[in-house]
Structures are given as structure tokens and as C-alpha cells.
Protein backbone atom coordinates (compact mmCIF):
# COMPACT_ATOMS: atom_id res chain seq x y z
CA MET A 1 78.54 -89.55 16.28
CA ALA A 2 77.22 -86.72 14.14
CA GLN A 3 75.24 -83.89 15.70
CA PRO A 4 71.79 -83.19 14.25
CA PRO A 5 71.61 -79.95 12.28
CA LYS A 6 70.48 -76.93 14.24
CA VAL A 7 67.23 -75.36 13.12
CA GLN A 8 67.42 -71.61 12.64
CA PRO A 9 64.67 -69.65 14.41
CA PRO A 10 62.47 -67.53 12.17
CA ALA A 11 63.38 -63.90 11.62
CA ASN A 12 62.68 -61.61 14.57
CA THR A 13 59.21 -60.34 13.83
CA PRO A 14 57.67 -58.29 16.64
CA THR A 15 54.50 -59.76 17.96
CA PRO A 16 51.64 -57.29 18.19
CA ALA A 17 50.98 -56.08 21.72
CA PRO A 18 47.57 -56.76 23.22
CA PRO A 19 45.28 -53.73 23.44
CA ASP A 20 45.31 -51.72 26.65
CA PRO A 21 42.48 -52.56 29.06
CA PRO A 22 39.82 -49.91 29.52
CA PRO A 23 40.42 -47.55 32.45
CA TYR A 24 38.73 -48.37 35.72
CA PRO A 25 36.00 -46.05 36.94
CA ARG A 26 37.17 -43.71 39.70
CA VAL A 27 34.57 -45.13 42.08
CA TYR A 28 36.55 -48.39 42.23
CA ALA A 29 39.55 -46.50 43.60
CA TRP A 30 37.35 -44.79 46.22
CA LEU A 31 35.79 -48.11 47.24
CA PHE A 32 39.15 -49.80 47.58
CA GLN A 33 40.54 -46.94 49.67
CA ALA A 34 37.48 -46.97 51.92
CA TRP A 35 37.81 -50.74 52.38
CA LEU A 36 41.53 -50.39 53.12
CA VAL A 37 40.96 -47.69 55.76
CA MET A 38 38.23 -49.75 57.46
CA PHE A 39 40.46 -52.83 57.41
CA LEU A 40 43.33 -50.92 59.01
CA PHE A 41 41.00 -49.49 61.68
CA VAL A 42 39.81 -52.99 62.57
CA ILE A 43 43.34 -54.39 62.74
CA CYS A 44 44.67 -51.45 64.77
CA GLY A 45 41.64 -51.50 67.08
CA ALA A 46 42.07 -55.20 67.73
CA LEU A 47 45.76 -54.70 68.46
CA ILE A 48 45.02 -51.84 70.86
CA PHE A 49 42.39 -53.83 72.77
CA TYR A 50 44.73 -56.83 72.88
CA LEU A 51 47.58 -54.79 74.30
CA LEU A 52 45.28 -52.99 76.76
CA SER A 53 44.29 -56.36 78.20
CA TYR A 54 47.86 -56.73 79.51
CA ILE A 55 47.69 -53.56 81.58
CA PRO A 56 47.17 -54.58 85.20
CA ARG A 57 44.06 -53.13 86.81
CA GLY A 58 44.00 -52.16 90.44
């Protein structure tokens, strides 16, 4: 049984790259860092209070 002929791909032409996105305002970085610090404080505080509940009280 004969194989079908293979189709040659077109010549390697580089596709144009999409334009770079505009830079984010610096305030977005500050807001994200503030949110991250508050989130970590809440998680660490909850863990501390949880572990303190296991300390026996006299």
C-alpha cells in the first residue's frame, strides 16, 4: 500500500512577537506587599493562638 506524499511545511518565517504590556504602576506593588504582610500576620496569629490553646493552664 502506497504512503500518501508528505506535505512540506512552509519556510521558517518568524512570527512577530506581541507588544510588551505597559508597566504596572508602583502602587500595585505596594498594595500587594501590604496585603501579603497582613495575610501572613493573620495566618501566623491564628497558628500562635491555636498552639497556645494546647498549653495546660494551672
